[in-house]
Amino acid sequence: MELSNSVILLSSLAHESRLRIFKQLVEAGPTGTTPMALAEILEMPAATLSFHLKELYQAGLILKQKQGRSIIYRADFLRMSQLIDYLQENCCIDGECQSC
């Protein structure tokens, strides 16, 4: 992952509502969830939720799939892992890190 890509991902998560949405999608797991369910769980107006889902989708942190009349949103676990790997890329180079 390049620095510019990581900045895009991290900046999209640097908003309280988007971070809450993303965490909820991570908790939902690979099956994902609908915007209606997210709005109810997060007690967020549908228009606000829609705006933030669009931002997360454009950043590449979530996936969406049409399922009948609904859209299912999922966390993009591969992209999340790539970001975490990028952040830990040089961890423990000097051998002093105890948490890796």
PDB file of N, CA and C in Angstrom:
ATOM      1  N   MET A   1       0.851  -1.174   0.000  1.00  0.00           N
ATOM      2  CA  MET A   1       0.000   0.000   0.000  1.00  0.00           C
ATOM      3  C   MET A   1       0.896   1.236   0.000  1.00  0.00           C
ATOM      4  N   GLU A   2       0.497   2.227  -0.759  1.00  0.00           N
ATOM      5  CA  GLU A   2       1.246   3.465  -0.825  1.00  0.00           C
ATOM      6  C   GLU A   2       0.759   4.449   0.233  1.00  0.00           C
ATOM      7  N   LEU A   3       1.621   5.387   0.551  1.00  0.00           N
ATOM      8  CA  LEU A   3       1.295   6.392   1.552  1.00  0.00           C
ATOM      9  C   LEU A   3       0.007   7.133   1.202  1.00  0.00           C
ATOM     10  N   SER A   4      -0.154   7.526  -0.048  1.00  0.00           N
ATOM     11  CA  SER A   4      -1.350   8.281  -0.440  1.00  0.00           C
ATOM     12  C   SER A   4      -2.625   7.473  -0.221  1.00  0.00           C
ATOM     13  N   ASN A   5      -2.573   6.161  -0.477  1.00  0.00           N
ATOM     14  CA  ASN A   5      -3.740   5.303  -0.235  1.00  0.00           C
ATOM     15  C   ASN A   5      -4.053   5.204   1.251  1.00  0.00           C
ATOM     16  N   SER A   6      -3.017   5.084   2.060  1.00  0.00           N
ATOM     17  CA  SER A   6      -3.251   4.974   3.503  1.00  0.00           C
ATOM     18  C   SER A   6      -3.824   6.270   4.057  1.00  0.00           C
ATOM     19  N   VAL A   7      -3.403   7.403   3.526  1.00  0.00           N
ATOM     20  CA  VAL A   7      -3.942   8.694   3.970  1.00  0.00           C
ATOM     21  C   VAL A   7      -5.432   8.781   3.654  1.00  0.00           C
ATOM     22  N   ILE A   8      -5.828   8.332   2.477  1.00  0.00           N
ATOM     23  CA  ILE A   8      -7.242   8.338   2.095  1.00  0.00           C
ATOM     24  C   ILE A   8      -8.057   7.476   3.055  1.00  0.00           C
ATOM     25  N   LEU A   9      -7.575   6.266   3.342  1.00  0.00           N
ATOM     26  CA  LEU A   9      -8.303   5.368   4.236  1.00  0.00           C
ATOM     27  C   LEU A   9      -8.392   5.939   5.649  1.00  0.00           C
ATOM     28  N   LEU A  10      -7.269   6.401   6.162  1.00  0.00           N
ATOM     29  CA  LEU A  10      -7.259   6.923   7.526  1.00  0.00           C
ATOM     30  C   LEU A  10      -8.074   8.206   7.648  1.00  0.00           C
ATOM     31  N   SER A  11      -8.018   9.062   6.643  1.00  0.00           N
ATOM     32  CA  SER A  11      -8.800  10.303   6.727  1.00  0.00           C
ATOM     33  C   SER A  11     -10.296  10.020   6.653  1.00  0.00           C
ATOM     34  N   SER A  12     -10.680   8.984   5.926  1.00  0.00           N
ATOM     35  CA  SER A  12     -12.110   8.662   5.885  1.00  0.00           C
ATOM     36  C   SER A  12     -12.591   8.101   7.218  1.00  0.00           C
ATOM     37  N   LEU A  13     -11.701   7.499   7.972  1.00  0.00           N
ATOM     38  CA  LEU A  13     -12.072   6.981   9.293  1.00  0.00           C
ATOM     39  C   LEU A  13     -11.924   8.026  10.393  1.00  0.00           C
ATOM     40  N   ALA A  14     -11.348   9.174  10.052  1.00  0.00           N
ATOM     41  CA  ALA A  14     -11.097  10.214  11.044  1.00  0.00           C
ATOM     42  C   ALA A  14     -12.331  11.095  11.257  1.00  0.00           C
ATOM     43  N   HIS A  15     -13.462  10.481  11.239  1.00  0.00           N
ATOM     44  CA  HIS A  15     -14.738  11.160  11.508  1.00  0.00           C
ATOM     45  C   HIS A  15     -15.543  10.213  12.391  1.00  0.00           C
ATOM     46  N   GLU A  16     -16.062  10.731  13.461  1.00  0.00           N
ATOM     47  CA  GLU A  16     -16.730   9.887  14.456  1.00  0.00           C
ATOM     48  C   GLU A  16     -17.832   9.010  13.855  1.00  0.00           C
ATOM     49  N   SER A  17     -18.688   9.581  13.041  1.00  0.00           N
ATOM     50  CA  SER A  17     -19.795   8.803  12.471  1.00  0.00           C
ATOM     51  C   SER A  17     -19.284   7.704  11.543  1.00  0.00           C
ATOM     52  N   ARG A  18     -18.303   8.036  10.700  1.00  0.00           N
ATOM     53  CA  ARG A  18     -17.784   7.030   9.773  1.00  0.00           C
ATOM     54  C   ARG A  18     -17.062   5.916  10.522  1.00  0.00           C
ATOM     55  N   LEU A  19     -16.343   6.261  11.562  1.00  0.00           N
ATOM     56  CA  LEU A  19     -15.674   5.231  12.349  1.00  0.00           C
ATOM     57  C   LEU A  19     -16.697   4.324  13.027  1.00  0.00           C
ATOM     58  N   ARG A  20     -17.773   4.891  13.547  1.00  0.00           N
ATOM     59  CA  ARG A  20     -18.834   4.089  14.161  1.00  0.00           C
ATOM     60  C   ARG A  20     -19.478   3.157  13.136  1.00  0.00           C
ATOM     61  N   ILE A  21     -19.734   3.672  11.933  1.00  0.00           N
ATOM     62  CA  ILE A  21     -20.332   2.854  10.871  1.00  0.00           C
ATOM     63  C   ILE A  21     -19.390   1.724  10.500  1.00  0.00           C
ATOM     64  N   PHE A  22     -18.120   2.049  10.291  1.00  0.00           N
ATOM     65  CA  PHE A  22     -17.151   1.026   9.897  1.00  0.00           C
ATOM     66  C   PHE A  22     -17.020  -0.042  10.975  1.00  0.00           C
ATOM     67  N   LYS A  23     -16.930   0.365  12.228  1.00  0.00           N
ATOM     68  CA  LYS A  23     -16.843  -0.615  13.322  1.00  0.00           C
ATOM     69  C   LYS A  23     -18.072  -1.516  13.354  1.00  0.00           C
ATOM     70  N   GLN A  24     -19.233  -0.952  13.108  1.00  0.00           N
ATOM     71  CA  GLN A  24     -20.461  -1.751  13.095  1.00  0.00           C
ATOM     72  C   GLN A  24     -20.435  -2.761  11.954  1.00  0.00           C
ATOM     73  N   LEU A  25     -19.919  -2.356  10.791  1.00  0.00           N
ATOM     74  CA  LEU A  25     -19.817  -3.282   9.666  1.00  0.00           C
ATOM     75  C   LEU A  25     -18.781  -4.368   9.940  1.00  0.00           C
ATOM     76  N   VAL A  26     -17.716  -4.031  10.635  1.00  0.00           N
ATOM     77  CA  VAL A  26     -16.736  -5.050  11.032  1.00  0.00           C
ATOM     78  C   VAL A  26     -17.405  -6.054  11.968  1.00  0.00           C
ATOM     79  N   GLU A  27     -18.186  -5.562  12.925  1.00  0.00           N
ATOM     80  CA  GLU A  27     -18.899  -6.441  13.853  1.00  0.00           C
ATOM     81  C   GLU A  27     -19.923  -7.310  13.125  1.00  0.00           C
ATOM     82  N   ALA A  28     -20.526  -6.787  12.061  1.00  0.00           N
ATOM     83  CA  ALA A  28     -21.515  -7.557  11.306  1.00  0.00           C
ATOM     84  C   ALA A  28     -20.876  -8.723  10.565  1.00  0.00           C
ATOM     85  N   GLY A  29     -19.577  -8.636  10.329  1.00  0.00           N
ATOM     86  CA  GLY A  29     -18.863  -9.733   9.684  1.00  0.00           C
ATOM     87  C   GLY A  29     -19.113  -9.781   8.186  1.00  0.00           C
ATOM     88  N   PRO A  30     -18.733 -10.898   7.566  1.00  0.00           N
ATOM     89  CA  PRO A  30     -18.816 -11.006   6.113  1.00  0.00           C
ATOM     90  C   PRO A  30     -20.230 -10.979   5.546  1.00  0.00           C
ATOM     91  N   THR A  31     -21.233 -11.228   6.361  1.00  0.00           N
ATOM     92  CA  THR A  31     -22.601 -11.171   5.852  1.00  0.00           C
ATOM     93  C   THR A  31     -23.076  -9.742   5.662  1.00  0.00           C
ATOM     94  N   GLY A  32     -22.463  -8.795   6.372  1.00  0.00           N
ATOM     95  CA  GLY A  32     -22.821  -7.395   6.230  1.00  0.00           C
ATOM     96  C   GLY A  32     -24.184  -7.078   6.807  1.00  0.00           C
ATOM     97  N   THR A  33     -24.695  -5.916   6.432  1.00  0.00           N
ATOM     98  CA  THR A  33     -25.987  -5.479   6.939  1.00  0.00           C
ATOM     99  C   THR A  33     -26.570  -4.400   6.019  1.00  0.00           C
ATOM    100  N   THR A  34     -27.810  -4.090   6.229  1.00  0.00           N
ATOM    101  CA  THR A  34     -28.505  -3.092   5.412  1.00  0.00           C
ATOM    102  C   THR A  34     -28.371  -1.700   6.036  1.00  0.00           C
ATOM    103  N   PRO A  35     -28.557  -0.675   5.216  1.00  0.00           N
ATOM    104  CA  PRO A  35     -28.550   0.680   5.767  1.00  0.00           C
ATOM    105  C   PRO A  35     -29.632   0.884   6.837  1.00  0.00           C
ATOM    106  N   MET A  36     -30.789   0.261   6.638  1.00  0.00           N
ATOM    107  CA  MET A  36     -31.867   0.394   7.613  1.00  0.00           C
ATOM    108  C   MET A  36     -31.436  -0.135   8.980  1.00  0.00           C
ATOM    109  N   ALA A  37     -30.787  -1.299   8.976  1.00  0.00           N
ATOM    110  CA  ALA A  37     -30.321  -1.873  10.230  1.00  0.00           C
ATOM    111  C   ALA A  37     -29.239  -1.001  10.857  1.00  0.00           C
ATOM    112  N   LEU A  38     -28.332  -0.490  10.036  1.00  0.00           N
ATOM    113  CA  LEU A  38     -27.279   0.395  10.547  1.00  0.00           C
ATOM    114  C   LEU A  38     -27.882   1.655  11.167  1.00  0.00           C
ATOM    115  N   ALA A  39     -28.828   2.262  10.467  1.00  0.00           N
ATOM    116  CA  ALA A  39     -29.458   3.490  10.965  1.00  0.00           C
ATOM    117  C   ALA A  39     -30.122   3.246  12.315  1.00  0.00           C
ATOM    118  N   GLU A  40     -30.752   2.100  12.451  1.00  0.00           N
ATOM    119  CA  GLU A  40     -31.425   1.776  13.709  1.00  0.00           C
ATOM    120  C   GLU A  40     -30.417   1.554  14.830  1.00  0.00           C
ATOM    121  N   ILE A  41     -29.392   0.753  14.570  1.00  0.00           N
ATOM    122  CA  ILE A  41     -28.387   0.443  15.584  1.00  0.00           C
ATOM    123  C   ILE A  41     -27.639   1.701  16.016  1.00  0.00           C
ATOM    124  N   LEU A  42     -27.261   2.515  15.036  1.00  0.00           N
ATOM    125  CA  LEU A  42     -26.448   3.695  15.317  1.00  0.00           C
ATOM    126  C   LEU A  42     -27.269   4.935  15.654  1.00  0.00           C
ATOM    127  N   GLU A  43     -28.607   4.794  15.560  1.00  0.00           N
ATOM    128  CA  GLU A  43     -29.514   5.918  15.820  1.00  0.00           C
ATOM    129  C   GLU A  43     -29.090   7.139  14.999  1.00  0.00           C
ATOM    130  N   MET A  44     -28.975   6.918  13.692  1.00  0.00           N
ATOM    131  CA  MET A  44     -28.494   7.933  12.771  1.00  0.00           C
ATOM    132  C   MET A  44     -29.541   8.148  11.686  1.00  0.00           C
ATOM    133  N   PRO A  45     -29.828   9.397  11.339  1.00  0.00           N
ATOM    134  CA  PRO A  45     -30.777   9.648  10.257  1.00  0.00           C
ATOM    135  C   PRO A  45     -30.297   9.012   8.946  1.00  0.00           C
ATOM    136  N   ALA A  46     -31.231   8.549   8.150  1.00  0.00           N
ATOM    137  CA  ALA A  46     -30.903   7.848   6.905  1.00  0.00           C
ATOM    138  C   ALA A  46     -30.057   8.699   5.962  1.00  0.00           C
ATOM    139  N   ALA A  47     -30.364   9.977   5.841  1.00  0.00           N
ATOM    140  CA  ALA A  47     -29.601  10.845   4.934  1.00  0.00           C
ATOM    141  C   ALA A  47     -28.154  10.988   5.401  1.00  0.00           C
ATOM    142  N   THR A  48     -27.953  11.116   6.687  1.00  0.00           N
ATOM    143  CA  THR A  48     -26.599  11.225   7.246  1.00  0.00           C
ATOM    144  C   THR A  48     -25.838   9.930   7.019  1.00  0.00           C
ATOM    145  N   LEU A  49     -26.489   8.813   7.298  1.00  0.00           N
ATOM    146  CA  LEU A  49     -25.875   7.510   7.098  1.00  0.00           C
ATOM    147  C   LEU A  49     -25.481   7.323   5.636  1.00  0.00           C
ATOM    148  N   SER A  50     -26.370   7.663   4.740  1.00  0.00           N
ATOM    149  CA  SER A  50     -26.109   7.518   3.313  1.00  0.00           C
ATOM    150  C   SER A  50     -24.874   8.311   2.889  1.00  0.00           C
ATOM    151  N   PHE A  51     -24.751   9.522   3.377  1.00  0.00           N
ATOM    152  CA  PHE A  51     -23.591  10.357   3.062  1.00  0.00           C
ATOM    153  C   PHE A  51     -22.300   9.672   3.517  1.00  0.00           C
ATOM    154  N   HIS A  52     -22.295   9.179   4.748  1.00  0.00           N
ATOM    155  CA  HIS A  52     -21.085   8.568   5.296  1.00  0.00           C
ATOM    156  C   HIS A  52     -20.773   7.219   4.643  1.00  0.00           C
ATOM    157  N   LEU A  53     -21.802   6.450   4.298  1.00  0.00           N
ATOM    158  CA  LEU A  53     -21.568   5.196   3.572  1.00  0.00           C
ATOM    159  C   LEU A  53     -20.908   5.472   2.229  1.00  0.00           C
ATOM    160  N   LYS A  54     -21.365   6.517   1.564  1.00  0.00           N
ATOM    161  CA  LYS A  54     -20.778   6.889   0.274  1.00  0.00           C
ATOM    162  C   LYS A  54     -19.301   7.238   0.438  1.00  0.00           C
ATOM    163  N   GLU A  55     -18.972   7.975   1.480  1.00  0.00           N
ATOM    164  CA  GLU A  55     -17.577   8.355   1.738  1.00  0.00           C
ATOM    165  C   GLU A  55     -16.713   7.126   2.007  1.00  0.00           C
ATOM    166  N   LEU A  56     -17.206   6.211   2.816  1.00  0.00           N
ATOM    167  CA  LEU A  56     -16.454   4.984   3.121  1.00  0.00           C
ATOM    168  C   LEU A  56     -16.296   4.102   1.887  1.00  0.00           C
ATOM    169  N   TYR A  57     -17.329   4.049   1.072  1.00  0.00           N
ATOM    170  CA  TYR A  57     -17.278   3.254  -0.154  1.00  0.00           C
ATOM    171  C   TYR A  57     -16.264   3.848  -1.132  1.00  0.00           C
ATOM    172  N   GLN A  58     -16.301   5.152  -1.318  1.00  0.00           N
ATOM    173  CA  GLN A  58     -15.374   5.808  -2.234  1.00  0.00           C
ATOM    174  C   GLN A  58     -13.922   5.682  -1.763  1.00  0.00           C
ATOM    175  N   ALA A  59     -13.716   5.613  -0.457  1.00  0.00           N
ATOM    176  CA  ALA A  59     -12.366   5.439   0.080  1.00  0.00           C
ATOM    177  C   ALA A  59     -11.881   4.000  -0.105  1.00  0.00           C
ATOM    178  N   GLY A  60     -12.817   3.079  -0.321  1.00  0.00           N
ATOM    179  CA  GLY A  60     -12.449   1.677  -0.519  1.00  0.00           C
ATOM    180  C   GLY A  60     -12.459   0.847   0.748  1.00  0.00           C
ATOM    181  N   LEU A  61     -13.105   1.353   1.791  1.00  0.00           N
ATOM    182  CA  LEU A  61     -13.141   0.613   3.056  1.00  0.00           C
ATOM    183  C   LEU A  61     -14.333  -0.325   3.184  1.00  0.00           C
ATOM    184  N   ILE A  62     -15.368  -0.081   2.390  1.00  0.00           N
ATOM    185  CA  ILE A  62     -16.539  -0.951   2.453  1.00  0.00           C
ATOM    186  C   ILE A  62     -16.945  -1.383   1.051  1.00  0.00           C
ATOM    187  N   LEU A  63     -17.681  -2.471   1.011  1.00  0.00           N
ATOM    188  CA  LEU A  63     -18.210  -3.028  -0.224  1.00  0.00           C
ATOM    189  C   LEU A  63     -19.724  -2.947  -0.163  1.00  0.00           C
ATOM    190  N   LYS A  64     -20.361  -2.863  -1.313  1.00  0.00           N
ATOM    191  CA  LYS A  64     -21.824  -2.900  -1.334  1.00  0.00           C
ATOM    192  C   LYS A  64     -22.270  -3.863  -2.421  1.00  0.00           C
ATOM    193  N   GLN A  65     -23.394  -4.506  -2.137  1.00  0.00           N
ATOM    194  CA  GLN A  65     -23.931  -5.495  -3.070  1.00  0.00           C
ATOM    195  C   GLN A  65     -25.446  -5.390  -3.058  1.00  0.00           C
ATOM    196  N   LYS A  66     -26.006  -5.283  -4.236  1.00  0.00           N
ATOM    197  CA  LYS A  66     -27.462  -5.255  -4.349  1.00  0.00           C
ATOM    198  C   LYS A  66     -27.987  -6.667  -4.120  1.00  0.00           C
ATOM    199  N   GLN A  67     -28.971  -6.772  -3.264  1.00  0.00           N
ATOM    200  CA  GLN A  67     -29.574  -8.064  -2.941  1.00  0.00           C
ATOM    201  C   GLN A  67     -31.089  -7.869  -2.945  1.00  0.00           C
ATOM    202  N   GLY A  68     -31.713  -8.216  -4.071  1.00  0.00           N
ATOM    203  CA  GLY A  68     -33.137  -7.939  -4.222  1.00  0.00           C
ATOM    204  C   GLY A  68     -33.353  -6.440  -4.258  1.00  0.00           C
ATOM    205  N   ARG A  69     -34.196  -5.944  -3.370  1.00  0.00           N
ATOM    206  CA  ARG A  69     -34.448  -4.506  -3.287  1.00  0.00           C
ATOM    207  C   ARG A  69     -33.515  -3.809  -2.310  1.00  0.00           C
ATOM    208  N   SER A  70     -32.724  -4.564  -1.617  1.00  0.00           N
ATOM    209  CA  SER A  70     -31.840  -4.000  -0.597  1.00  0.00           C
ATOM    210  C   SER A  70     -30.406  -3.905  -1.094  1.00  0.00           C
ATOM    211  N   ILE A  71     -29.646  -3.087  -0.407  1.00  0.00           N
ATOM    212  CA  ILE A  71     -28.202  -3.037  -0.612  1.00  0.00           C
ATOM    213  C   ILE A  71     -27.569  -3.500   0.688  1.00  0.00           C
ATOM    214  N   ILE A  72     -26.656  -4.433   0.571  1.00  0.00           N
ATOM    215  CA  ILE A  72     -25.935  -4.944   1.728  1.00  0.00           C
ATOM    216  C   ILE A  72     -24.548  -4.302   1.728  1.00  0.00           C
ATOM    217  N   TYR A  73     -24.189  -3.736   2.860  1.00  0.00           N
ATOM    218  CA  TYR A  73     -22.860  -3.147   3.032  1.00  0.00           C
ATOM    219  C   TYR A  73     -22.020  -4.068   3.895  1.00  0.00           C
ATOM    220  N   ARG A  74     -20.745  -4.190   3.518  1.00  0.00           N
ATOM    221  CA  ARG A  74     -19.795  -5.016   4.258  1.00  0.00           C
ATOM    222  C   ARG A  74     -18.490  -4.251   4.420  1.00  0.00           C
ATOM    223  N   ALA A  75     -17.808  -4.505   5.503  1.00  0.00           N
ATOM    224  CA  ALA A  75     -16.447  -3.989   5.642  1.00  0.00           C
ATOM    225  C   ALA A  75     -15.577  -4.743   4.646  1.00  0.00           C
ATOM    226  N   ASP A  76     -14.654  -4.054   4.026  1.00  0.00           N
ATOM    227  CA  ASP A  76     -13.698  -4.710   3.133  1.00  0.00           C
ATOM    228  C   ASP A  76     -12.531  -5.167   3.993  1.00  0.00           C
ATOM    229  N   PHE A  77     -12.604  -6.406   4.443  1.00  0.00           N
ATOM    230  CA  PHE A  77     -11.615  -6.939   5.374  1.00  0.00           C
ATOM    231  C   PHE A  77     -10.228  -7.030   4.755  1.00  0.00           C
ATOM    232  N   LEU A  78     -10.147  -7.296   3.459  1.00  0.00           N
ATOM    233  CA  LEU A  78      -8.851  -7.336   2.793  1.00  0.00           C
ATOM    234  C   LEU A  78      -8.197  -5.959   2.838  1.00  0.00           C
ATOM    235  N   ARG A  79      -8.961  -4.937   2.508  1.00  0.00           N
ATOM    236  CA  ARG A  79      -8.428  -3.570   2.523  1.00  0.00           C
ATOM    237  C   ARG A  79      -8.039  -3.160   3.935  1.00  0.00           C
ATOM    238  N   MET A  80      -8.844  -3.538   4.917  1.00  0.00           N
ATOM    239  CA  MET A  80      -8.542  -3.232   6.308  1.00  0.00           C
ATOM    240  C   MET A  80      -7.231  -3.902   6.705  1.00  0.00           C
ATOM    241  N   SER A  81      -7.049  -5.153   6.322  1.00  0.00           N
ATOM    242  CA  SER A  81      -5.815  -5.879   6.631  1.00  0.00           C
ATOM    243  C   SER A  81      -4.607  -5.246   5.956  1.00  0.00           C
ATOM    244  N   GLN A  82      -4.799  -4.792   4.729  1.00  0.00           N
ATOM    245  CA  GLN A  82      -3.697  -4.130   4.016  1.00  0.00           C
ATOM    246  C   GLN A  82      -3.278  -2.853   4.738  1.00  0.00           C
ATOM    247  N   LEU A  83      -4.252  -2.115   5.244  1.00  0.00           N
ATOM    248  CA  LEU A  83      -3.941  -0.898   5.983  1.00  0.00           C
ATOM    249  C   LEU A  83      -3.196  -1.226   7.273  1.00  0.00           C
ATOM    250  N   ILE A  84      -3.663  -2.208   7.989  1.00  0.00           N
ATOM    251  CA  ILE A  84      -3.002  -2.601   9.235  1.00  0.00           C
ATOM    252  C   ILE A  84      -1.581  -3.090   8.947  1.00  0.00           C
ATOM    253  N   ASP A  85      -1.427  -3.892   7.903  1.00  0.00           N
ATOM    254  CA  ASP A  85      -0.090  -4.365   7.519  1.00  0.00           C
ATOM    255  C   ASP A  85       0.818  -3.192   7.178  1.00  0.00           C
ATOM    256  N   TYR A  86       0.291  -2.216   6.455  1.00  0.00           N
ATOM    257  CA  TYR A  86       1.080  -1.042   6.091  1.00  0.00           C
ATOM    258  C   TYR A  86       1.532  -0.295   7.348  1.00  0.00           C
ATOM    259  N   LEU A  87       0.623  -0.137   8.303  1.00  0.00           N
ATOM    260  CA  LEU A  87       0.958   0.588   9.525  1.00  0.00           C
ATOM    261  C   LEU A  87       1.990  -0.157  10.368  1.00  0.00           C
ATOM    262  N   GLN A  88       2.012  -1.479  10.268  1.00  0.00           N
ATOM    263  CA  GLN A  88       2.948  -2.284  11.058  1.00  0.00           C
ATOM    264  C   GLN A  88       4.188  -2.699  10.267  1.00  0.00           C
ATOM    265  N   GLU A  89       4.280  -2.229   9.043  1.00  0.00           N
ATOM    266  CA  GLU A  89       5.327  -2.653   8.128  1.00  0.00           C
ATOM    267  C   GLU A  89       6.734  -2.599   8.716  1.00  0.00           C
ATOM    268  N   ASN A  90       7.062  -1.554   9.411  1.00  0.00           N
ATOM    269  CA  ASN A  90       8.409  -1.402   9.939  1.00  0.00           C
ATOM    270  C   ASN A  90       8.481  -1.577  11.448  1.00  0.00           C
ATOM    271  N   CYS A  91       7.483  -2.186  12.003  1.00  0.00           N
ATOM    272  CA  CYS A  91       7.451  -2.418  13.443  1.00  0.00           C
ATOM    273  C   CYS A  91       8.563  -3.382  13.838  1.00  0.00           C
ATOM    274  N   CYS A  92       9.234  -3.075  14.876  1.00  0.00           N
ATOM    275  CA  CYS A  92      10.235  -3.965  15.477  1.00  0.00           C
ATOM    276  C   CYS A  92      11.514  -4.109  14.647  1.00  0.00           C
ATOM    277  N   ILE A  93      11.800  -3.155  13.781  1.00  0.00           N
ATOM    278  CA  ILE A  93      13.029  -3.237  12.997  1.00  0.00           C
ATOM    279  C   ILE A  93      14.244  -3.269  13.913  1.00  0.00           C
ATOM    280  N   ASP A  94      14.192  -2.502  14.972  1.00  0.00           N
ATOM    281  CA  ASP A  94      15.340  -2.466  15.883  1.00  0.00           C
ATOM    282  C   ASP A  94      15.274  -3.551  16.940  1.00  0.00           C
ATOM    283  N   GLY A  95      14.237  -4.363  16.898  1.00  0.00           N
ATOM    284  CA  GLY A  95      14.122  -5.496  17.818  1.00  0.00           C
ATOM    285  C   GLY A  95      13.652  -5.129  19.211  1.00  0.00           C
ATOM    286  N   GLU A  96      13.250  -3.882  19.443  1.00  0.00           N
ATOM    287  CA  GLU A  96      12.870  -3.454  20.772  1.00  0.00           C
ATOM    288  C   GLU A  96      11.369  -3.514  21.032  1.00  0.00           C
ATOM    289  N   CYS A  97      10.575  -3.665  20.016  1.00  0.00           N
ATOM    290  CA  CYS A  97       9.125  -3.674  20.188  1.00  0.00           C
ATOM    291  C   CYS A  97       8.692  -4.992  20.851  1.00  0.00           C
ATOM    292  N   GLN A  98       7.925  -4.873  21.912  1.00  0.00           N
ATOM    293  CA  GLN A  98       7.472  -6.052  22.653  1.00  0.00           C
ATOM    294  C   GLN A  98       6.042  -6.454  22.302  1.00  0.00           C
ATOM    295  N   SER A  99       5.344  -5.606  21.545  1.00  0.00           N
ATOM    296  CA  SER A  99       3.926  -5.866  21.299  1.00  0.00           C
ATOM    297  C   SER A  99       3.653  -6.592  19.976  1.00  0.00           C
ATOM    298  N   CYS A 100       4.654  -6.806  19.164  1.00  0.00           N
ATOM    299  CA  CYS A 100       4.435  -7.459  17.859  1.00  0.00           C
ATOM    300  C   CYS A 100       4.525  -8.969  17.968  1.00  0.00           C
TER     301      CYS A 100
END
